Protein backbone atom coordinates (compact mmCIF):
# COMPACT_ATOMS: atom_id res chain seq x y z
CA UNK A 1 -3.95 -20.90 -21.60
CA UNK A 2 -5.98 -19.62 -18.67
CA UNK A 3 -5.02 -16.80 -16.35
CA UNK A 4 -6.80 -14.45 -13.97
CA UNK A 5 -6.91 -10.70 -13.55
CA UNK A 6 -6.10 -9.49 -10.04
CA UNK A 7 -8.38 -8.23 -7.30
CA UNK A 8 -7.25 -6.19 -4.29
CA UNK A 9 -7.92 -5.93 -0.58
CA UNK A 10 -6.94 -3.06 1.69
CA UNK A 11 -6.67 -2.49 5.41
CA UNK A 12 -5.09 0.28 7.46
CA UNK A 13 -2.84 -0.22 10.47
CA UNK A 14 -2.37 2.60 12.95
CA UNK A 15 0.49 2.62 15.46
CA UNK A 16 0.13 5.01 18.40
CA UNK A 17 3.09 5.55 20.74
CA UNK A 18 1.84 6.71 24.15
CA UNK A 19 3.76 8.21 27.08
CA UNK A 20 3.05 10.67 29.91
CA UNK A 21 5.11 13.50 31.35
CA UNK A 22 5.49 14.34 35.04
CA UNK A 23 2.28 16.41 34.95
CA UNK A 24 0.26 13.47 33.60
CA UNK A 25 -0.04 15.00 30.17
CA UNK A 26 -0.20 12.40 27.43
CA UNK A 27 2.25 12.47 24.53
CA UNK A 28 0.83 10.53 21.59
CA UNK A 29 2.56 9.92 18.25
CA UNK A 30 0.34 8.43 15.54
CA UNK A 31 1.29 6.90 12.19
CA UNK A 32 -0.75 5.14 9.50
CA UNK A 33 0.42 2.24 7.32
CA UNK A 34 -1.68 0.89 4.39
CA UNK A 35 -1.71 -2.89 3.94
CA UNK A 36 -2.49 -3.52 0.28
CA UNK A 37 -2.71 -7.08 -1.08
CA UNK A 38 -3.51 -8.46 -4.53
CA UNK A 39 -4.72 -11.95 -5.46
CA UNK A 40 -6.34 -13.74 -8.39
CA UNK A 41 -9.95 -12.78 -9.10
CA UNK A 42 -11.88 -16.02 -9.85
CA UNK A 43 -14.59 -13.91 -11.50
CA UNK A 44 -12.11 -12.37 -13.97
CA UNK A 45 -10.86 -15.29 -16.04
CA UNK A 46 -9.00 -14.69 -19.30
CA UNK A 47 -7.70 -17.02 -22.01
CA UNK A 48 -4.89 -16.91 -24.56
CA UNK A 49 -5.17 -19.31 -27.48
CA UNK A 50 -1.67 -20.74 -27.84
CA UNK A 51 -2.45 -21.78 -31.42
CA UNK A 52 -2.41 -18.07 -32.27
CA UNK A 53 1.31 -18.06 -31.51
CA UNK A 54 2.02 -20.33 -34.46
CA UNK A 55 2.94 -19.04 -37.88
CA UNK A 56 4.86 -15.79 -37.48
CA UNK A 57 5.72 -16.78 -33.90
CA UNK A 58 6.83 -20.32 -34.76
CA UNK A 59 10.57 -19.56 -34.54
CA UNK A 60 10.37 -17.28 -31.52
CA UNK A 61 10.76 -18.38 -27.91
CA UNK A 62 7.88 -17.15 -25.77
CA UNK A 63 8.09 -17.42 -21.98
CA UNK A 64 4.93 -16.82 -19.98
CA UNK A 65 5.03 -16.56 -16.18
CA UNK A 66 2.25 -16.83 -13.62
CA UNK A 67 1.90 -16.24 -9.93
CA UNK A 68 0.98 -19.21 -7.74
CA UNK A 69 -2.69 -18.24 -7.83
CA UNK A 70 -2.84 -17.87 -11.61
CA UNK A 71 -2.20 -14.19 -12.33
CA UNK A 72 0.03 -13.31 -15.24
CA UNK A 73 3.42 -12.02 -14.06
CA UNK A 74 5.27 -11.41 -17.28
CA UNK A 75 6.06 -12.30 -20.86
CA UNK A 76 9.73 -12.96 -21.65
CA UNK A 77 10.83 -11.24 -18.43
CA UNK A 78 13.52 -12.31 -16.01
CA UNK A 79 11.38 -11.23 -13.08
CA UNK A 80 8.06 -9.45 -12.70
CA UNK A 81 5.21 -8.91 -10.27
CA UNK A 82 7.18 -6.49 -8.15
CA UNK A 83 4.94 -6.50 -5.12
CA UNK A 84 2.83 -3.33 -4.92
CA UNK A 85 1.75 -4.19 -1.38
CA UNK A 86 5.32 -4.27 -0.06
CA UNK A 87 6.44 -1.19 -1.97
CA UNK A 88 3.34 0.73 -0.97
CA UNK A 89 3.85 -0.30 2.65
CA UNK A 90 7.43 0.96 2.51
CA UNK A 91 6.33 4.21 0.90
CA UNK A 92 3.64 4.69 3.51
CA UNK A 93 6.07 4.02 6.31
CA UNK A 94 8.62 6.39 4.85
CA UNK A 95 6.12 9.24 4.60
CA UNK A 96 4.12 8.54 7.74
CA UNK A 97 6.81 9.89 10.06
CA UNK A 98 6.76 13.30 8.40
CA UNK A 99 3.01 13.48 8.94
CA UNK A 100 2.90 11.79 12.33
CA UNK A 101 0.71 13.69 14.75
CA UNK A 102 2.44 14.23 18.10
CA UNK A 103 -0.12 15.85 20.38
CA UNK A 104 0.38 16.65 24.09
CA UNK A 105 -2.84 17.34 25.93
CA UNK A 106 -4.39 17.23 29.40
CA UNK A 107 -7.72 15.76 30.50
CA UNK A 108 -9.98 17.45 33.02
CA UNK A 109 -10.75 14.06 34.56
CA UNK A 110 -7.47 13.74 36.43
CA UNK A 111 -8.43 10.49 38.11
CA UNK A 112 -8.77 8.60 34.82
CA UNK A 113 -5.73 10.33 33.40
CA UNK A 114 -3.56 9.60 36.41
CA UNK A 115 -4.58 5.95 36.41
CA UNK A 116 -3.84 5.62 32.71
CA UNK A 117 -0.47 7.39 33.01
CA UNK A 118 0.49 5.24 35.98
CA UNK A 119 -0.25 2.15 33.91
CA UNK A 120 1.80 3.48 30.97
CA UNK A 121 4.81 4.17 33.21
CA UNK A 122 4.66 0.71 34.72
CA UNK A 123 4.02 -1.17 31.46
CA UNK A 124 6.59 0.83 29.52
CA UNK A 125 9.18 0.91 32.31
CA UNK A 126 9.44 4.67 31.87
CA UNK A 127 9.28 4.58 28.08
CA UNK A 128 6.51 4.96 25.51
CA UNK A 129 4.27 2.00 24.76
CA UNK A 130 2.86 1.13 21.33
CA UNK A 131 -0.83 0.50 20.59
CA UNK A 132 -1.81 -1.07 17.24
CA UNK A 133 -5.23 -0.48 15.65
CA UNK A 134 -6.57 -1.88 12.40
CA UNK A 135 -9.49 -1.42 10.00
CA UNK A 136 -10.59 -3.09 6.78
CA UNK A 137 -11.55 -0.79 3.91
CA UNK A 138 -14.62 -1.26 1.68
CA UNK A 139 -13.52 -1.20 -1.96
CA UNK A 140 -16.72 -0.49 -3.90
CA UNK A 141 -15.25 2.88 -4.87
CA UNK A 142 -18.13 4.89 -3.42
CA UNK A 143 -17.62 7.62 -0.79
CA UNK A 144 -18.50 6.30 2.64
CA UNK A 145 -19.12 7.40 6.22
CA UNK A 146 -16.52 7.70 8.94
CA UNK A 147 -15.62 4.27 10.33
CA UNK A 148 -13.85 3.15 13.50
CA UNK A 149 -10.51 1.48 14.08
CA UNK A 150 -10.33 -1.55 16.36
CA UNK A 151 -7.33 -2.59 18.47
CA UNK A 152 -5.52 -5.75 17.42
CA UNK A 153 -5.74 -8.76 19.72
CA UNK A 154 -2.31 -8.14 21.25
CA UNK A 155 -3.15 -4.46 21.90
CA UNK A 156 -6.71 -4.84 23.19
CA UNK A 157 -5.81 -4.84 26.89
CA UNK A 158 -3.37 -1.94 26.61
CA UNK A 159 -5.88 0.04 24.54
CA UNK A 160 -8.50 -0.22 27.29
CA UNK A 161 -5.96 0.91 29.90
CA UNK A 162 -4.85 4.02 27.97
CA UNK A 163 -8.19 4.96 26.39
CA UNK A 164 -8.54 8.10 28.58
CA UNK A 165 -5.32 9.42 27.01
CA UNK A 166 -6.27 8.88 23.38
CA UNK A 167 -8.24 10.98 20.93
CA UNK A 168 -10.57 9.09 18.61
CA UNK A 169 -9.48 8.13 15.09
CA UNK A 170 -11.79 7.47 12.14
CA UNK A 171 -11.16 6.51 8.53
CA UNK A 172 -13.23 7.43 5.50
CA UNK A 173 -13.28 6.47 1.83
CA UNK A 174 -13.38 9.71 -0.15
CA UNK A 175 -14.08 8.12 -3.54
CA UNK A 176 -12.33 6.44 -6.43
CA UNK A 177 -10.27 7.57 -9.42
CA UNK A 178 -9.80 5.78 -12.73
CA UNK A 179 -6.92 6.40 -15.13
CA UNK A 180 -6.79 5.40 -18.77
CA UNK A 181 -4.26 2.66 -19.55
CA UNK A 182 -1.01 4.12 -20.90
CA UNK A 183 -1.03 1.65 -23.79
CA UNK A 184 -3.64 2.32 -26.46
CA UNK A 185 -4.45 0.16 -29.48
CA UNK A 186 -4.28 1.85 -32.89
CA UNK A 187 -7.00 0.04 -34.81
CA UNK A 188 -8.07 -3.57 -34.45
CA UNK A 189 -5.31 -6.02 -33.46
CA UNK A 190 -4.38 -8.59 -36.11
CA UNK A 191 -2.66 -11.10 -33.83
CA UNK A 192 -2.78 -12.56 -30.35
CA UNK A 193 -3.32 -10.25 -27.43
CA UNK A 194 -3.15 -10.31 -23.65
CA UNK A 195 -5.97 -8.81 -21.62
CA UNK A 196 -5.02 -6.90 -18.52
CA UNK A 197 -6.63 -4.38 -16.21
CA UNK A 198 -5.07 -1.06 -15.36
CA UNK A 199 -5.89 -0.54 -11.66
CA UNK A 200 -8.08 2.27 -10.45
CA UNK A 201 -7.35 4.17 -7.26
CA UNK A 202 -9.28 4.65 -4.07
CA UNK A 203 -8.67 7.67 -1.86
CA UNK A 204 -8.79 7.16 1.89
CA UNK A 205 -8.25 9.61 4.72
CA UNK A 206 -7.71 9.17 8.45
CA UNK A 207 -9.05 11.88 10.75
CA UNK A 208 -8.08 12.54 14.35
CA UNK A 209 -11.31 13.77 15.93
CA UNK A 210 -9.42 15.30 18.83
CA UNK A 211 -10.80 15.66 22.34
CA UNK A 212 -14.14 17.32 22.91
CA UNK A 213 -13.55 20.93 23.86
CA UNK A 214 -9.77 20.49 23.72
CA UNK A 215 -8.70 20.17 20.09
CA UNK A 216 -10.24 20.31 16.63
CA UNK A 217 -10.48 17.37 14.19
CA UNK A 218 -7.60 17.16 11.74
CA UNK A 219 -6.70 14.96 8.77
CA UNK A 220 -3.51 13.08 9.67
CA UNK A 221 -3.29 10.82 6.58
CA UNK A 222 -4.65 11.00 3.03
CA UNK A 223 -3.58 8.77 0.17
CA UNK A 224 -4.79 7.27 -3.12
CA UNK A 225 -4.02 3.55 -3.44
CA UNK A 226 -4.16 1.21 -6.49
CA UNK A 227 -7.16 -1.14 -6.50
CA UNK A 228 -7.22 -3.72 -9.28
CA UNK A 229 -10.97 -4.36 -9.54
CA UNK A 230 -11.75 -0.66 -9.91
CA UNK A 231 -9.61 -0.40 -13.04
CA UNK A 232 -10.17 -0.52 -16.78
CA UNK A 233 -9.73 -3.73 -18.78
CA UNK A 234 -7.55 -3.30 -21.86
CA UNK A 235 -5.87 -5.40 -24.54
CA UNK A 236 -2.11 -5.61 -24.98
CA UNK A 237 -1.30 -6.94 -28.48
CA UNK A 238 1.65 -9.26 -28.93
CA UNK A 239 3.57 -7.76 -31.89
CA UNK A 240 4.88 -9.90 -34.72
CA UNK A 241 8.60 -10.75 -34.53
CA UNK A 242 9.19 -8.81 -37.75
CA UNK A 243 8.57 -5.65 -35.79
CA UNK A 244 11.40 -6.23 -33.38
CA UNK A 245 13.64 -8.91 -34.89
CA UNK A 246 15.65 -11.17 -32.64
CA UNK A 247 16.14 -8.63 -29.86
CA UNK A 248 13.00 -9.74 -28.05
CA UNK A 249 9.71 -8.56 -26.69
CA UNK A 250 8.96 -8.34 -22.96
CA UNK A 251 6.14 -7.12 -20.73
CA UNK A 252 6.22 -6.93 -16.94
CA UNK A 253 3.17 -6.77 -14.68
CA UNK A 254 2.89 -5.54 -11.10
CA UNK A 255 0.88 -7.52 -8.58
CA UNK A 256 -1.98 -5.06 -9.11
CA UNK A 257 -2.11 -5.92 -12.83
CA UNK A 258 -0.58 -2.64 -13.96
CA UNK A 259 1.95 -2.86 -16.78
CA UNK A 260 5.26 -1.79 -15.28
CA UNK A 261 7.49 -2.15 -18.34
CA UNK A 262 7.29 -2.80 -22.07
CA UNK A 263 10.26 -3.54 -24.30
CA UNK A 264 10.23 -3.94 -28.07
CA UNK A 265 13.73 -4.72 -29.20
CA UNK A 266 16.97 -3.13 -28.10
CA UNK A 267 18.54 -1.88 -31.36
CA UNK A 268 16.61 0.53 -33.47
CA UNK A 269 13.34 -0.49 -31.86
CA UNK A 270 11.11 1.00 -29.23
CA UNK A 271 12.11 0.61 -25.61
CA UNK A 272 9.81 2.11 -23.02
CA UNK A 273 9.57 1.87 -19.25
CA UNK A 274 6.31 2.60 -17.48
CA UNK A 275 5.83 3.29 -13.79
CA UNK A 276 3.17 0.98 -12.43
CA UNK A 277 1.88 3.73 -10.14
CA UNK A 278 1.95 7.46 -10.69
CA UNK A 279 2.58 8.03 -6.97
CA UNK A 280 5.73 5.90 -6.78
CA UNK A 281 9.12 5.75 -8.37
CA UNK A 282 10.10 2.84 -10.62
CA UNK A 283 9.29 -0.42 -8.88
CA UNK A 284 12.32 -2.63 -8.16
CA UNK A 285 12.51 -6.00 -9.88
CA UNK A 286 14.10 -7.85 -6.97
CA UNK A 287 11.34 -8.98 -4.62
CA UNK A 288 13.77 -9.91 -1.87
CA UNK A 289 15.28 -6.44 -1.91
CA UNK A 290 11.80 -4.92 -1.84
CA UNK A 291 10.82 -6.96 1.19
CA UNK A 292 14.05 -6.09 2.96
CA UNK A 293 13.57 -2.40 2.22
CA UNK A 294 10.01 -2.50 3.57
CA UNK A 295 11.04 -4.28 6.74
CA UNK A 296 13.93 -1.89 7.31
CA UNK A 297 11.67 1.11 6.68
CA UNK A 298 9.14 -0.20 9.19
CA UNK A 299 11.77 -0.87 11.84
CA UNK A 300 13.43 2.53 11.30
CA UNK A 301 10.10 4.34 11.35
CA UNK A 302 8.86 2.74 14.55
CA UNK A 303 12.23 3.30 16.22
CA UNK A 304 12.11 7.00 15.30
CA UNK A 305 8.53 7.29 16.53
CA UNK A 306 9.44 5.72 19.88
CA UNK A 307 12.51 7.96 20.14
CA UNK A 308 10.41 11.05 19.43
CA UNK A 309 7.89 10.13 22.12
CA UNK A 310 10.66 9.41 24.64
CA UNK A 311 12.43 12.69 23.84
CA UNK A 312 9.22 14.62 24.46
CA UNK A 313 8.82 12.72 27.71
CA UNK A 314 12.41 13.28 28.94
CA UNK A 315 14.16 16.02 26.93
CA UNK A 316 17.25 15.82 29.15
CA UNK A 317 17.75 12.16 28.24
CA UNK A 318 17.12 12.60 24.51
CA UNK A 319 19.84 11.04 22.35
């Protein structure tokens, strides 16, 4: 039986809500959302010899599940592969508002500022407008230089119009972190085993460079994210049925390859739950619910950001 270990890709999306007050001072709210995706790594192929499941395993039902691209999702689990990218996106959206930078400032070049503010008022019909920027992140794990964000295709025109109102944002990879797998083998395994890879983490920060002579650079976002290919490969032995009787054995994997849960029996045996990521609570097992939660979090977050910008613009109309 062939399966693949996962590999990860990461990009950052920045949403900037822009408005202007009556004095042509810009009000800018900035939030950062990580977009983390996992897929099968064609260079990390693993095999499980099904003949090894004979003998002691002959009378035991074994259910193996894969993702569409060949990653292992779970063994004897009702559902697995809980979607790190969606959960991480929801977590990022939920925390981004608390750290959103809302910075009013004035430019000395009033002509450019006035033109930009006039465009914002017209395009936004008196409300804040949203600009979306994006950047791909290099995942070699090494610290890197400051890199730029680029506007998305649907924000490119608006970005050029409001550029005089915006401070410059840069992102930087600070380095990587590797944790030891929580499951350790005691001696050499005597039976079949599954190879997995406990993901490493990469730490990324986003810095607002401010305006020259007007404000100082400040870190507006800093987070460590799970990256599959930076992790440690480890073996997960499949225990003999005698160890857990008829109650069952189950292992669940997150999309990143992290083991999210292990169960050996239910009566008198060992039952342990493992968080796939140290930075998050227990991952939900219902993918549909996870997607819905992420979408709701994004909608709520953006609505609050727009409301905040509009309240700063017109305090008397704030609701």
